[in-house]
């Protein structure tokens, strides 16, 4: 009977190991990735929108 209880605890840790790593990595990367991307993307949109607005304003005055 001593061998039975010993085998049960073995499979326990094995199942937790593979389950824990997958859950921890996916939660940390997504949180840091989205936070860093928006910061770098913010300065880019303003630059692209400024040039687009200039040409749009020029046509109306000509008419």
C-alpha atoms as a PDB file:
ATOM      1  CA  UNK A   1       0.000   0.000   0.000  1.00  0.00           C
ATOM      2  CA  UNK A   2       2.998   2.280   0.554  1.00  0.00           C
ATOM      3  CA  UNK A   3       3.902   2.151  -3.164  1.00  0.00           C
ATOM      4  CA  UNK A   4       0.386   3.280  -4.206  1.00  0.00           C
ATOM      5  CA  UNK A   5       0.359   6.589  -2.201  1.00  0.00           C
ATOM      6  CA  UNK A   6       3.889   7.306  -3.476  1.00  0.00           C
ATOM      7  CA  UNK A   7       2.849   6.955  -7.142  1.00  0.00           C
ATOM      8  CA  UNK A   8      -0.096   9.365  -6.777  1.00  0.00           C
ATOM      9  CA  UNK A   9       2.027  12.333  -5.519  1.00  0.00           C
ATOM     10  CA  UNK A  10       4.440  11.789  -8.453  1.00  0.00           C
ATOM     11  CA  UNK A  11       1.867  12.402 -11.234  1.00  0.00           C
ATOM     12  CA  UNK A  12       0.536  15.393  -9.242  1.00  0.00           C
ATOM     13  CA  UNK A  13       3.675  17.596  -9.556  1.00  0.00           C
ATOM     14  CA  UNK A  14       4.162  16.479 -13.176  1.00  0.00           C
ATOM     15  CA  UNK A  15       0.719  17.789 -14.116  1.00  0.00           C
ATOM     16  CA  UNK A  16       1.198  21.091 -12.249  1.00  0.00           C
ATOM     17  CA  UNK A  17       4.645  21.799 -13.781  1.00  0.00           C
ATOM     18  CA  UNK A  18       3.488  21.768 -17.443  1.00  0.00           C
ATOM     19  CA  UNK A  19       0.283  23.642 -16.531  1.00  0.00           C
ATOM     20  CA  UNK A  20       1.967  26.390 -14.471  1.00  0.00           C
ATOM     21  CA  UNK A  21       4.655  27.494 -17.008  1.00  0.00           C
ATOM     22  CA  UNK A  22       2.199  27.897 -19.933  1.00  0.00           C
ATOM     23  CA  UNK A  23      -0.132  30.087 -17.837  1.00  0.00           C
ATOM     24  CA  UNK A  24       2.597  32.345 -16.399  1.00  0.00           C
ATOM     25  CA  UNK A  25       4.484  33.258 -19.642  1.00  0.00           C
ATOM     26  CA  UNK A  26       1.377  34.098 -21.725  1.00  0.00           C
ATOM     27  CA  UNK A  27       0.082  36.462 -19.011  1.00  0.00           C
ATOM     28  CA  UNK A  28       3.344  38.441 -18.610  1.00  0.00           C
ATOM     29  CA  UNK A  29       4.345  38.965 -22.311  1.00  0.00           C
ATOM     30  CA  UNK A  30       0.896  40.219 -23.420  1.00  0.00           C
ATOM     31  CA  UNK A  31       0.875  42.782 -20.585  1.00  0.00           C
ATOM     32  CA  UNK A  32       4.328  44.184 -21.464  1.00  0.00           C
ATOM     33  CA  UNK A  33       4.002  43.938 -25.270  1.00  0.00           C
ATOM     34  CA  UNK A  34       0.752  45.969 -25.581  1.00  0.00           C
ATOM     35  CA  UNK A  35       2.072  48.578 -23.129  1.00  0.00           C
ATOM     36  CA  UNK A  36       5.311  49.168 -25.061  1.00  0.00           C
ATOM     37  CA  UNK A  37       3.698  49.150 -28.512  1.00  0.00           C
ATOM     38  CA  UNK A  38       1.131  51.928 -27.805  1.00  0.00           C
ATOM     39  CA  UNK A  39       3.918  54.175 -26.452  1.00  0.00           C
ATOM     40  CA  UNK A  40       5.921  53.856 -29.685  1.00  0.00           C
ATOM     41  CA  UNK A  41       2.844  53.998 -31.935  1.00  0.00           C
ATOM     42  CA  UNK A  42       1.483  57.201 -30.345  1.00  0.00           C
ATOM     43  CA  UNK A  43       4.323  59.391 -31.746  1.00  0.00           C
ATOM     44  CA  UNK A  44       3.911  57.788 -35.194  1.00  0.00           C
ATOM     45  CA  UNK A  45       0.177  58.547 -35.814  1.00  0.00           C
ATOM     46  CA  UNK A  46       0.592  62.324 -35.132  1.00  0.00           C
ATOM     47  CA  UNK A  47       3.368  62.538 -37.765  1.00  0.00           C
ATOM     48  CA  UNK A  48       1.306  60.707 -40.393  1.00  0.00           C
ATOM     49  CA  UNK A  49      -1.896  62.649 -39.630  1.00  0.00           C
ATOM     50  CA  UNK A  50      -0.201  66.087 -39.836  1.00  0.00           C
ATOM     51  CA  UNK A  51       0.914  65.671 -43.511  1.00  0.00           C
ATOM     52  CA  UNK A  52      -2.489  64.211 -44.421  1.00  0.00           C
ATOM     53  CA  UNK A  53      -4.358  67.228 -42.988  1.00  0.00           C
ATOM     54  CA  UNK A  54      -2.254  69.807 -44.900  1.00  0.00           C
ATOM     55  CA  UNK A  55      -3.139  68.496 -48.411  1.00  0.00           C
ATOM     56  CA  UNK A  56      -6.796  68.139 -47.386  1.00  0.00           C
ATOM     57  CA  UNK A  57      -6.965  71.830 -46.353  1.00  0.00           C
ATOM     58  CA  UNK A  58      -5.251  73.095 -49.541  1.00  0.00           C
ATOM     59  CA  UNK A  59      -7.955  71.842 -51.993  1.00  0.00           C
ATOM     60  CA  UNK A  60     -10.859  73.675 -50.227  1.00  0.00           C
ATOM     61  CA  UNK A  61      -9.132  77.139 -50.348  1.00  0.00           C
ATOM     62  CA  UNK A  62      -8.400  76.712 -54.098  1.00  0.00           C
ATOM     63  CA  UNK A  63     -12.065  76.072 -54.895  1.00  0.00           C
END
